Amino acid sequence: MDYLGRSYNGTPNHRHPVNGSLDDPVIPTGEELEVVDVDPTGDAIISTGTMSIRVSSHLMSQSSPVFRSMLKGRFMEGLTEGTPQNPKLTAVKEDVPDEHLLEFCRLIHHTIDDPKDFTQEEALIISLADLCAKYQCYRVAKYWVACWFNKQDRVSAEASPGLLWATHVFKLEEEFTKVSSRWAASMNNTEIESPVTR
């Protein structure tokens, strides 16, 4: 089980369809949604059904073996070549907010220049852990997430389970110890004895 109590077999349980059922999703066309250009000359568009993001299929494939299979392998999307003038469309189904997926793509494309610019909320760090676990690319965000943890004097008790999950995904042993210690210190006796924390 993951920190939200979902079944876990190596990747988070991303189960929401783009539209309709998982067996028959309606894939939006590029004309239906405004496209956010992470790479203005990108040859691929990733669409969640509510946001479309233009990316480089080469960078996405280099960063993630899952994206490599999707964009360069034998999946339908991988059998066609996209161009900047006619990018190929790939539909994805995520449990994270669109804005967090966009930040994930920005990290892959190296469009964040300085750790001080990576001043994000706890929810994004947890979403990045979900995305990096799903797409098997924790190295993409490990440096930025480590910098984020180093700047935190405290983390909220509510976010602590998810942040522990993030330290596990990104293999941050020191940060795991800090978060778990602070979380334990913030608990009262009732919480410590509850089945959820045992």
N, C-alpha and C. Protein backbone atom coordinates (compact mmCIF):
# COMPACT_ATOMS: atom_id res chain seq x y z
N MET A 1 0.85 -1.20 0.00
CA MET A 1 0.00 0.00 0.00
C MET A 1 0.88 1.24 0.00
N ASP A 2 0.46 2.30 -0.69
CA ASP A 2 1.21 3.54 -0.64
C ASP A 2 0.67 4.43 0.47
N TYR A 3 1.19 5.68 0.55
CA TYR A 3 0.85 6.53 1.69
C TYR A 3 -0.61 6.96 1.70
N LEU A 4 -1.32 6.79 0.60
CA LEU A 4 -2.74 7.10 0.57
C LEU A 4 -3.60 5.85 0.74
N GLY A 5 -2.96 4.73 0.99
CA GLY A 5 -3.70 3.50 1.18
C GLY A 5 -4.09 2.82 -0.12
N ARG A 6 -3.46 3.25 -1.24
CA ARG A 6 -3.79 2.64 -2.52
C ARG A 6 -2.95 1.39 -2.73
N SER A 7 -3.46 0.46 -3.52
CA SER A 7 -2.66 -0.72 -3.84
C SER A 7 -1.44 -0.29 -4.61
N TYR A 8 -0.32 -0.96 -4.37
CA TYR A 8 0.94 -0.53 -4.96
C TYR A 8 1.72 -1.74 -5.45
N ASN A 9 2.06 -1.74 -6.74
CA ASN A 9 2.81 -2.85 -7.30
C ASN A 9 4.06 -2.36 -8.03
N GLY A 10 4.60 -1.22 -7.58
CA GLY A 10 5.79 -0.67 -8.21
C GLY A 10 5.56 0.72 -8.75
N THR A 11 4.31 1.02 -9.10
CA THR A 11 3.96 2.37 -9.54
C THR A 11 2.64 2.74 -8.90
N PRO A 12 2.37 4.05 -8.73
CA PRO A 12 1.08 4.45 -8.15
C PRO A 12 -0.08 3.99 -9.02
N ASN A 13 -1.24 3.90 -8.42
CA ASN A 13 -2.43 3.45 -9.13
C ASN A 13 -3.09 4.62 -9.84
N HIS A 14 -2.66 4.90 -11.08
CA HIS A 14 -3.22 6.00 -11.86
C HIS A 14 -4.39 5.45 -12.66
N ARG A 15 -5.58 5.77 -12.23
CA ARG A 15 -6.73 5.04 -12.75
C ARG A 15 -7.78 5.93 -13.38
N HIS A 16 -7.56 7.25 -13.41
CA HIS A 16 -8.60 8.11 -13.96
C HIS A 16 -8.49 8.21 -15.46
N PRO A 17 -9.56 7.94 -16.21
CA PRO A 17 -9.50 8.05 -17.66
C PRO A 17 -9.46 9.51 -18.09
N VAL A 18 -8.99 9.73 -19.32
CA VAL A 18 -9.04 11.07 -19.89
C VAL A 18 -10.47 11.53 -19.99
N ASN A 19 -11.32 10.65 -20.44
CA ASN A 19 -12.74 10.95 -20.58
C ASN A 19 -13.46 9.62 -20.78
N GLY A 20 -14.45 9.32 -19.97
CA GLY A 20 -15.14 8.05 -20.10
C GLY A 20 -14.39 6.95 -19.37
N SER A 21 -14.40 5.74 -19.89
CA SER A 21 -13.80 4.61 -19.20
C SER A 21 -12.35 4.44 -19.62
N LEU A 22 -11.61 3.64 -18.85
CA LEU A 22 -10.23 3.35 -19.20
C LEU A 22 -10.14 2.57 -20.50
N ASP A 23 -11.16 1.77 -20.78
CA ASP A 23 -11.13 0.94 -21.99
C ASP A 23 -11.44 1.73 -23.24
N ASP A 24 -12.10 2.88 -23.08
CA ASP A 24 -12.51 3.64 -24.25
C ASP A 24 -12.34 5.13 -24.00
N PRO A 25 -11.07 5.58 -23.79
CA PRO A 25 -10.86 6.99 -23.51
C PRO A 25 -11.07 7.85 -24.74
N VAL A 26 -11.53 9.06 -24.53
CA VAL A 26 -11.65 10.02 -25.61
C VAL A 26 -10.41 10.88 -25.57
N ILE A 27 -9.57 10.78 -26.58
CA ILE A 27 -8.32 11.52 -26.60
C ILE A 27 -8.57 12.87 -27.25
N PRO A 28 -8.32 13.96 -26.54
CA PRO A 28 -8.56 15.27 -27.12
C PRO A 28 -7.54 15.58 -28.20
N THR A 29 -7.93 16.35 -29.18
CA THR A 29 -7.00 16.79 -30.21
C THR A 29 -6.33 18.06 -29.75
N GLY A 30 -5.22 18.41 -30.41
CA GLY A 30 -4.52 19.62 -30.05
C GLY A 30 -5.36 20.86 -30.25
N GLU A 31 -6.38 20.78 -31.09
CA GLU A 31 -7.21 21.94 -31.36
C GLU A 31 -8.20 22.22 -30.23
N GLU A 32 -8.48 21.22 -29.39
CA GLU A 32 -9.48 21.38 -28.35
C GLU A 32 -8.93 22.05 -27.09
N LEU A 33 -7.60 21.98 -26.88
CA LEU A 33 -6.99 22.53 -25.68
C LEU A 33 -5.85 23.45 -26.06
N GLU A 34 -5.69 24.50 -25.28
CA GLU A 34 -4.53 25.36 -25.47
C GLU A 34 -3.28 24.59 -25.10
N VAL A 35 -2.25 24.69 -25.92
CA VAL A 35 -1.02 23.94 -25.71
C VAL A 35 -0.01 24.81 -24.96
N VAL A 36 0.52 24.26 -23.85
CA VAL A 36 1.57 24.94 -23.10
C VAL A 36 2.91 24.45 -23.64
N ASP A 37 3.74 25.37 -24.10
CA ASP A 37 5.01 25.01 -24.71
C ASP A 37 6.12 24.92 -23.67
N VAL A 38 6.45 23.70 -23.25
CA VAL A 38 7.66 23.50 -22.46
C VAL A 38 8.86 23.54 -23.39
N ASP A 39 8.70 22.94 -24.56
CA ASP A 39 9.68 23.03 -25.65
C ASP A 39 8.95 23.56 -26.88
N PRO A 40 9.13 24.83 -27.24
CA PRO A 40 8.40 25.40 -28.38
C PRO A 40 8.65 24.69 -29.70
N THR A 41 9.76 23.97 -29.79
CA THR A 41 10.05 23.21 -31.02
C THR A 41 9.86 21.71 -30.80
N GLY A 42 9.13 21.36 -29.74
CA GLY A 42 8.92 19.95 -29.44
C GLY A 42 8.12 19.22 -30.50
N ASP A 43 8.36 17.90 -30.58
CA ASP A 43 7.70 17.09 -31.60
C ASP A 43 6.62 16.20 -31.02
N ALA A 44 6.24 16.44 -29.74
CA ALA A 44 5.20 15.62 -29.10
C ALA A 44 4.36 16.49 -28.18
N ILE A 45 3.10 16.09 -28.03
CA ILE A 45 2.19 16.76 -27.11
C ILE A 45 1.63 15.71 -26.15
N ILE A 46 1.79 15.97 -24.86
CA ILE A 46 1.22 15.12 -23.82
C ILE A 46 -0.06 15.78 -23.35
N SER A 47 -1.15 15.05 -23.38
CA SER A 47 -2.45 15.61 -23.02
C SER A 47 -3.10 14.80 -21.92
N THR A 48 -3.60 15.52 -20.91
CA THR A 48 -4.33 14.87 -19.82
C THR A 48 -5.83 14.91 -20.05
N GLY A 49 -6.26 15.61 -21.07
CA GLY A 49 -7.69 15.83 -21.29
C GLY A 49 -8.12 17.20 -20.83
N THR A 50 -7.34 17.81 -19.93
CA THR A 50 -7.61 19.18 -19.47
C THR A 50 -6.43 20.10 -19.70
N MET A 51 -5.29 19.56 -20.04
CA MET A 51 -4.11 20.35 -20.39
C MET A 51 -3.29 19.60 -21.42
N SER A 52 -2.72 20.34 -22.38
CA SER A 52 -1.81 19.77 -23.37
C SER A 52 -0.46 20.46 -23.24
N ILE A 53 0.61 19.67 -23.23
CA ILE A 53 1.95 20.17 -23.01
C ILE A 53 2.84 19.74 -24.16
N ARG A 54 3.45 20.71 -24.84
CA ARG A 54 4.37 20.39 -25.94
C ARG A 54 5.75 20.09 -25.35
N VAL A 55 6.30 18.93 -25.72
CA VAL A 55 7.57 18.47 -25.17
C VAL A 55 8.44 17.91 -26.29
N SER A 56 9.70 17.66 -25.95
CA SER A 56 10.61 16.96 -26.84
C SER A 56 10.53 15.47 -26.55
N SER A 57 10.15 14.68 -27.54
CA SER A 57 10.07 13.23 -27.33
C SER A 57 11.45 12.66 -27.03
N HIS A 58 12.50 13.29 -27.56
CA HIS A 58 13.86 12.81 -27.31
C HIS A 58 14.21 12.96 -25.83
N LEU A 59 13.97 14.15 -25.25
CA LEU A 59 14.29 14.37 -23.84
C LEU A 59 13.43 13.50 -22.93
N MET A 60 12.15 13.38 -23.26
CA MET A 60 11.27 12.55 -22.45
C MET A 60 11.73 11.10 -22.48
N SER A 61 12.14 10.62 -23.65
CA SER A 61 12.57 9.23 -23.81
C SER A 61 13.91 8.98 -23.14
N GLN A 62 14.80 9.98 -23.20
CA GLN A 62 16.10 9.84 -22.56
C GLN A 62 15.98 9.79 -21.04
N SER A 63 14.97 10.47 -20.52
CA SER A 63 14.81 10.58 -19.07
C SER A 63 14.06 9.40 -18.46
N SER A 64 13.19 8.78 -19.24
CA SER A 64 12.28 7.78 -18.69
C SER A 64 12.13 6.59 -19.61
N PRO A 65 12.38 5.37 -19.12
CA PRO A 65 12.16 4.19 -19.96
C PRO A 65 10.69 3.98 -20.30
N VAL A 66 9.80 4.48 -19.43
CA VAL A 66 8.37 4.36 -19.71
C VAL A 66 7.99 5.27 -20.88
N PHE A 67 8.45 6.51 -20.85
CA PHE A 67 8.19 7.41 -21.97
C PHE A 67 8.88 6.91 -23.24
N ARG A 68 10.04 6.28 -23.08
CA ARG A 68 10.71 5.75 -24.26
C ARG A 68 9.87 4.67 -24.92
N SER A 69 9.24 3.83 -24.11
CA SER A 69 8.36 2.80 -24.67
C SER A 69 7.13 3.41 -25.31
N MET A 70 6.59 4.46 -24.67
CA MET A 70 5.39 5.10 -25.19
C MET A 70 5.65 5.86 -26.48
N LEU A 71 6.78 6.58 -26.51
CA LEU A 71 7.03 7.51 -27.62
C LEU A 71 7.91 6.94 -28.71
N LYS A 72 8.72 5.93 -28.37
CA LYS A 72 9.67 5.38 -29.36
C LYS A 72 9.49 3.88 -29.58
N GLY A 73 8.60 3.27 -28.81
CA GLY A 73 8.45 1.82 -28.89
C GLY A 73 7.33 1.39 -29.81
N ARG A 74 6.66 0.30 -29.42
CA ARG A 74 5.64 -0.28 -30.29
C ARG A 74 4.23 0.14 -29.93
N PHE A 75 4.11 1.07 -28.96
CA PHE A 75 2.80 1.64 -28.71
C PHE A 75 2.36 2.43 -29.93
N MET A 76 1.05 2.69 -30.03
CA MET A 76 0.53 3.41 -31.17
C MET A 76 1.24 4.75 -31.37
N GLU A 77 1.51 5.45 -30.21
CA GLU A 77 2.14 6.75 -30.31
C GLU A 77 3.56 6.66 -30.84
N GLY A 78 4.24 5.52 -30.58
CA GLY A 78 5.62 5.38 -30.99
C GLY A 78 5.79 4.98 -32.44
N LEU A 79 4.71 4.57 -33.08
CA LEU A 79 4.81 4.11 -34.47
C LEU A 79 4.78 5.26 -35.47
N THR A 80 4.46 6.46 -35.00
CA THR A 80 4.44 7.63 -35.88
C THR A 80 5.47 8.64 -35.41
N GLU A 81 6.07 9.32 -36.36
CA GLU A 81 7.07 10.34 -36.04
C GLU A 81 6.41 11.72 -36.00
N GLY A 82 6.63 12.43 -34.93
CA GLY A 82 6.12 13.79 -34.84
C GLY A 82 7.15 14.79 -35.34
N THR A 83 6.70 15.96 -35.64
CA THR A 83 7.58 17.06 -36.04
C THR A 83 7.14 18.31 -35.29
N PRO A 84 7.98 19.35 -35.23
CA PRO A 84 7.53 20.59 -34.59
C PRO A 84 6.28 21.18 -35.24
N GLN A 85 6.14 20.95 -36.55
CA GLN A 85 4.96 21.45 -37.25
C GLN A 85 3.74 20.56 -37.03
N ASN A 86 3.98 19.29 -36.81
CA ASN A 86 2.88 18.34 -36.62
C ASN A 86 3.25 17.35 -35.51
N PRO A 87 3.22 17.83 -34.25
CA PRO A 87 3.63 16.96 -33.13
C PRO A 87 2.65 15.83 -32.90
N LYS A 88 3.18 14.69 -32.49
CA LYS A 88 2.31 13.55 -32.20
C LYS A 88 1.67 13.73 -30.82
N LEU A 89 0.46 13.24 -30.70
CA LEU A 89 -0.32 13.39 -29.47
C LEU A 89 -0.28 12.12 -28.65
N THR A 90 0.02 12.25 -27.36
CA THR A 90 0.02 11.12 -26.44
C THR A 90 -0.87 11.46 -25.26
N ALA A 91 -1.87 10.64 -25.00
CA ALA A 91 -2.77 10.86 -23.87
C ALA A 91 -2.23 10.14 -22.64
N VAL A 92 -2.25 10.82 -21.50
CA VAL A 92 -1.83 10.22 -20.24
C VAL A 92 -2.94 10.41 -19.22
N LYS A 93 -2.97 9.51 -18.25
CA LYS A 93 -3.99 9.55 -17.20
C LYS A 93 -3.26 9.69 -15.87
N GLU A 94 -3.42 10.83 -15.22
CA GLU A 94 -2.67 11.10 -13.99
C GLU A 94 -3.60 11.38 -12.82
N ASP A 95 -3.10 11.11 -11.62
CA ASP A 95 -3.82 11.45 -10.39
C ASP A 95 -3.31 12.74 -9.79
N VAL A 96 -2.39 13.40 -10.46
CA VAL A 96 -1.81 14.64 -9.93
C VAL A 96 -2.39 15.83 -10.70
N PRO A 97 -2.36 17.03 -10.11
CA PRO A 97 -2.86 18.21 -10.83
C PRO A 97 -2.05 18.47 -12.09
N ASP A 98 -2.72 19.06 -13.08
CA ASP A 98 -2.04 19.37 -14.34
C ASP A 98 -0.80 20.23 -14.12
N GLU A 99 -0.89 21.19 -13.20
CA GLU A 99 0.23 22.09 -12.95
C GLU A 99 1.46 21.32 -12.45
N HIS A 100 1.23 20.23 -11.73
CA HIS A 100 2.35 19.44 -11.24
C HIS A 100 2.97 18.62 -12.37
N LEU A 101 2.15 18.13 -13.27
CA LEU A 101 2.68 17.44 -14.45
C LEU A 101 3.51 18.41 -15.28
N LEU A 102 3.05 19.65 -15.41
CA LEU A 102 3.79 20.66 -16.15
C LEU A 102 5.15 20.91 -15.51
N GLU A 103 5.20 21.00 -14.19
CA GLU A 103 6.47 21.21 -13.50
C GLU A 103 7.40 20.02 -13.70
N PHE A 104 6.84 18.83 -13.70
CA PHE A 104 7.61 17.61 -13.98
C PHE A 104 8.25 17.68 -15.36
N CYS A 105 7.49 18.11 -16.35
CA CYS A 105 8.03 18.24 -17.72
C CYS A 105 9.09 19.33 -17.79
N ARG A 106 8.91 20.40 -17.04
CA ARG A 106 9.92 21.47 -17.00
C ARG A 106 11.24 20.95 -16.42
N LEU A 107 11.16 20.10 -15.42
CA LEU A 107 12.38 19.53 -14.85
C LEU A 107 13.10 18.66 -15.88
N ILE A 108 12.35 17.87 -16.61
CA ILE A 108 12.95 17.01 -17.64
C ILE A 108 13.63 17.85 -18.71
N HIS A 109 13.06 19.02 -19.01
CA HIS A 109 13.60 19.87 -20.07
C HIS A 109 14.60 20.91 -19.57
N HIS A 110 14.94 20.83 -18.28
CA HIS A 110 15.98 21.71 -17.71
C HIS A 110 15.64 23.19 -17.89
N THR A 111 14.39 23.55 -17.66
CA THR A 111 14.00 24.95 -17.80
C THR A 111 13.96 25.67 -16.45
N ILE A 112 14.39 25.00 -15.38
CA ILE A 112 14.56 25.65 -14.08
C ILE A 112 16.05 25.80 -13.86
N ASP A 113 16.51 27.04 -13.70
CA ASP A 113 17.94 27.32 -13.72
C ASP A 113 18.61 27.27 -12.35
N ASP A 114 17.86 27.55 -11.30
CA ASP A 114 18.50 27.71 -10.00
C ASP A 114 17.63 27.12 -8.91
N PRO A 115 18.23 26.43 -7.94
CA PRO A 115 17.42 25.85 -6.86
C PRO A 115 16.55 26.86 -6.13
N LYS A 116 17.00 28.13 -6.05
CA LYS A 116 16.19 29.11 -5.33
C LYS A 116 14.89 29.41 -6.07
N ASP A 117 14.83 29.05 -7.36
CA ASP A 117 13.59 29.23 -8.12
C ASP A 117 12.61 28.08 -7.87
N PHE A 118 13.09 27.03 -7.23
CA PHE A 118 12.26 25.85 -7.00
C PHE A 118 11.66 25.95 -5.60
N THR A 119 10.83 26.96 -5.41
CA THR A 119 10.18 27.19 -4.10
C THR A 119 8.74 26.73 -4.21
N GLN A 120 8.55 25.44 -4.10
CA GLN A 120 7.24 24.85 -4.34
C GLN A 120 6.62 24.32 -3.06
N GLU A 121 5.33 24.03 -3.14
CA GLU A 121 4.62 23.56 -1.96
C GLU A 121 4.82 22.05 -1.77
N GLU A 122 4.45 21.60 -0.59
CA GLU A 122 4.63 20.19 -0.25
C GLU A 122 3.89 19.28 -1.22
N ALA A 123 2.70 19.71 -1.66
CA ALA A 123 1.89 18.86 -2.55
C ALA A 123 2.62 18.55 -3.84
N LEU A 124 3.39 19.51 -4.36
CA LEU A 124 4.13 19.27 -5.60
C LEU A 124 5.21 18.21 -5.39
N ILE A 125 5.91 18.27 -4.26
CA ILE A 125 6.97 17.31 -3.99
C ILE A 125 6.39 15.89 -3.98
N ILE A 126 5.21 15.75 -3.39
CA ILE A 126 4.56 14.43 -3.34
C ILE A 126 4.13 14.01 -4.75
N SER A 127 3.60 14.95 -5.54
CA SER A 127 3.22 14.63 -6.92
C SER A 127 4.44 14.22 -7.74
N LEU A 128 5.56 14.91 -7.56
CA LEU A 128 6.77 14.55 -8.29
C LEU A 128 7.21 13.14 -7.93
N ALA A 129 7.05 12.76 -6.67
CA ALA A 129 7.39 11.39 -6.27
C ALA A 129 6.49 10.39 -6.99
N ASP A 130 5.19 10.68 -7.07
CA ASP A 130 4.27 9.80 -7.79
C ASP A 130 4.67 9.67 -9.26
N LEU A 131 4.94 10.82 -9.90
CA LEU A 131 5.27 10.81 -11.33
C LEU A 131 6.60 10.12 -11.59
N CYS A 132 7.60 10.39 -10.76
CA CYS A 132 8.91 9.78 -10.97
C CYS A 132 8.87 8.28 -10.70
N ALA A 133 8.02 7.83 -9.76
CA ALA A 133 7.86 6.40 -9.54
C ALA A 133 7.16 5.76 -10.73
N LYS A 134 6.12 6.41 -11.21
CA LYS A 134 5.36 5.86 -12.34
C LYS A 134 6.22 5.77 -13.60
N TYR A 135 6.99 6.83 -13.88
CA TYR A 135 7.76 6.89 -15.12
C TYR A 135 9.22 6.45 -14.93
N GLN A 136 9.56 5.97 -13.73
CA GLN A 136 10.87 5.38 -13.46
C GLN A 136 12.01 6.34 -13.79
N CYS A 137 11.92 7.54 -13.24
CA CYS A 137 12.94 8.55 -13.56
C CYS A 137 13.22 9.45 -12.36
N TYR A 138 13.47 8.84 -11.21
CA TYR A 138 13.65 9.65 -10.00
C TYR A 138 14.86 10.57 -10.08
N ARG A 139 15.86 10.23 -10.89
CA ARG A 139 17.05 11.08 -10.99
C ARG A 139 16.72 12.45 -11.58
N VAL A 140 15.65 12.53 -12.36
CA VAL A 140 15.26 13.80 -12.98
C VAL A 140 15.02 14.88 -11.94
N ALA A 141 14.38 14.51 -10.85
CA ALA A 141 13.97 15.51 -9.85
C ALA A 141 14.72 15.39 -8.53
N LYS A 142 15.59 14.40 -8.38
CA LYS A 142 16.22 14.16 -7.07
C LYS A 142 16.96 15.38 -6.56
N TYR A 143 17.75 16.03 -7.40
CA TYR A 143 18.55 17.18 -6.96
C TYR A 143 17.64 18.31 -6.48
N TRP A 144 16.59 18.59 -7.25
CA TRP A 144 15.70 19.70 -6.92
C TRP A 144 14.92 19.40 -5.64
N VAL A 145 14.48 18.17 -5.50
CA VAL A 145 13.73 17.80 -4.30
C VAL A 145 14.64 17.85 -3.07
N ALA A 146 15.89 17.40 -3.22
CA ALA A 146 16.83 17.46 -2.10
C ALA A 146 17.08 18.91 -1.69
N CYS A 147 17.22 19.80 -2.67
CA CYS A 147 17.40 21.23 -2.37
C CYS A 147 16.18 21.77 -1.65
N TRP A 148 14.99 21.33 -2.07
CA TRP A 148 13.77 21.79 -1.41
C TRP A 148 13.74 21.35 0.05
N PHE A 149 14.06 20.11 0.32
CA PHE A 149 14.08 19.62 1.70
C PHE A 149 15.10 20.38 2.54
N ASN A 150 16.24 20.70 1.95
CA ASN A 150 17.28 21.39 2.70
C ASN A 150 16.87 22.79 3.13
N LYS A 151 15.91 23.38 2.41
CA LYS A 151 15.46 24.74 2.74
C LYS A 151 14.31 24.76 3.73
N GLN A 152 13.79 23.58 4.10
CA GLN A 152 12.63 23.53 4.97
C GLN A 152 13.03 23.44 6.44
N ASP A 153 12.55 24.40 7.23
CA ASP A 153 12.76 24.32 8.67
C ASP A 153 11.79 23.34 9.32
N ARG A 154 10.61 23.21 8.72
CA ARG A 154 9.62 22.28 9.24
C ARG A 154 8.70 21.87 8.10
N VAL A 155 8.03 20.75 8.27
CA VAL A 155 7.02 20.29 7.31
C VAL A 155 5.74 20.05 8.08
N SER A 156 4.62 20.18 7.41
CA SER A 156 3.34 20.01 8.09
C SER A 156 3.11 18.54 8.43
N ALA A 157 2.42 18.30 9.52
CA ALA A 157 2.11 16.93 9.93
C ALA A 157 1.24 16.24 8.89
N GLU A 158 0.32 17.03 8.28
CA GLU A 158 -0.60 16.46 7.30
C GLU A 158 0.15 15.93 6.07
N ALA A 159 1.22 16.61 5.70
CA ALA A 159 1.96 16.20 4.50
C ALA A 159 3.06 15.19 4.80
N SER A 160 3.33 14.93 6.06
CA SER A 160 4.47 14.08 6.43
C SER A 160 4.42 12.68 5.80
N PRO A 161 3.25 11.99 5.79
CA PRO A 161 3.25 10.65 5.15
C PRO A 161 3.66 10.72 3.68
N GLY A 162 3.12 11.70 2.95
CA GLY A 162 3.48 11.83 1.55
C GLY A 162 4.92 12.23 1.35
N LEU A 163 5.45 13.07 2.23
CA LEU A 163 6.85 13.48 2.11
C LEU A 163 7.79 12.33 2.46
N LEU A 164 7.37 11.46 3.37
CA LEU A 164 8.16 10.25 3.63
C LEU A 164 8.23 9.39 2.38
N TRP A 165 7.09 9.27 1.70
CA TRP A 165 7.05 8.54 0.43
C TRP A 165 8.02 9.18 -0.57
N ALA A 166 8.07 10.52 -0.61
CA ALA A 166 8.96 11.21 -1.54
C ALA A 166 10.42 10.92 -1.21
N THR A 167 10.78 10.94 0.07
CA THR A 167 12.17 10.66 0.42
C THR A 167 12.54 9.23 0.06
N HIS A 168 11.57 8.33 0.11
CA HIS A 168 11.83 6.94 -0.31
C HIS A 168 12.05 6.86 -1.81
N VAL A 169 11.18 7.49 -2.59
CA VAL A 169 11.31 7.44 -4.06
C VAL A 169 12.65 8.03 -4.51
N PHE A 170 13.04 9.16 -3.90
CA PHE A 170 14.25 9.86 -4.34
C PHE A 170 15.50 9.40 -3.58
N LYS A 171 15.33 8.38 -2.73
CA LYS A 171 16.47 7.78 -2.02
C LYS A 171 17.24 8.82 -1.21
N LEU A 172 16.49 9.60 -0.43
CA LEU A 172 17.07 10.66 0.41
C LEU A 172 17.03 10.19 1.86
N GLU A 173 18.06 9.50 2.28
CA GLU A 173 18.06 8.87 3.60
C GLU A 173 18.06 9.90 4.73
N GLU A 174 18.87 10.94 4.61
CA GLU A 174 18.93 11.95 5.67
C GLU A 174 17.60 12.67 5.81
N GLU A 175 16.99 13.00 4.67
CA GLU A 175 15.70 13.69 4.71
C GLU A 175 14.62 12.78 5.27
N PHE A 176 14.68 11.49 4.97
CA PHE A 176 13.73 10.53 5.54
C PHE A 176 13.79 10.57 7.07
N THR A 177 14.99 10.57 7.60
CA THR A 177 15.16 10.60 9.06
C THR A 177 14.59 11.89 9.65
N LYS A 178 14.86 13.01 8.99
CA LYS A 178 14.38 14.30 9.50
C LYS A 178 12.86 14.36 9.49
N VAL A 179 12.24 13.95 8.37
CA VAL A 179 10.78 14.04 8.26
C VAL A 179 10.12 13.10 9.26
N SER A 180 10.62 11.88 9.36
CA SER A 180 10.00 10.91 10.27
C SER A 180 10.14 11.37 11.72
N SER A 181 11.28 11.95 12.07
CA SER A 181 11.49 12.43 13.45
C SER A 181 10.56 13.59 13.77
N ARG A 182 10.44 14.53 12.82
CA ARG A 182 9.57 15.68 13.05
C ARG A 182 8.11 15.26 13.10
N TRP A 183 7.75 14.29 12.29
CA TRP A 183 6.37 13.81 12.29
C TRP A 183 6.05 13.13 13.62
N ALA A 184 6.97 12.29 14.09
CA ALA A 184 6.75 11.60 15.35
C ALA A 184 6.66 12.61 16.50
N ALA A 185 7.50 13.65 16.45
CA ALA A 185 7.49 14.64 17.53
C ALA A 185 6.21 15.45 17.57
N SER A 186 5.55 15.55 16.42
CA SER A 186 4.32 16.36 16.35
C SER A 186 3.08 15.58 16.78
N MET A 187 3.22 14.26 16.98
CA MET A 187 2.06 13.43 17.30
C MET A 187 1.72 13.49 18.78
N ASN A 188 0.44 13.40 19.07
CA ASN A 188 0.04 13.23 20.47
C ASN A 188 -0.11 11.74 20.76
N ASN A 189 -0.39 11.40 22.00
CA ASN A 189 -0.45 9.98 22.39
C ASN A 189 -1.52 9.21 21.65
N THR A 190 -2.67 9.86 21.38
CA THR A 190 -3.76 9.18 20.66
C THR A 190 -3.32 8.82 19.25
N GLU A 191 -2.64 9.75 18.58
CA GLU A 191 -2.19 9.49 17.21
C GLU A 191 -1.13 8.39 17.19
N ILE A 192 -0.25 8.40 18.17
CA ILE A 192 0.80 7.38 18.21
C ILE A 192 0.19 5.98 18.38
N GLU A 193 -0.90 5.88 19.15
CA GLU A 193 -1.53 4.59 19.42
C GLU A 193 -2.53 4.17 18.37
N SER A 194 -2.83 5.06 17.40
CA SER A 194 -3.86 4.75 16.42
C SER A 194 -3.36 3.69 15.44
N PRO A 195 -4.30 2.89 14.86
CA PRO A 195 -3.90 1.84 13.91
C PRO A 195 -3.17 2.39 12.70
N VAL A 196 -3.48 3.65 12.30
CA VAL A 196 -2.88 4.21 11.09
C VAL A 196 -1.39 4.39 11.26
N THR A 197 -0.94 4.73 12.48
CA THR A 197 0.48 5.00 12.69
C THR A 197 1.24 3.83 13.27
N ARG A 198 0.55 2.71 13.54
CA ARG A 198 1.27 1.54 14.05
C ARG A 198 1.83 0.71 12.92
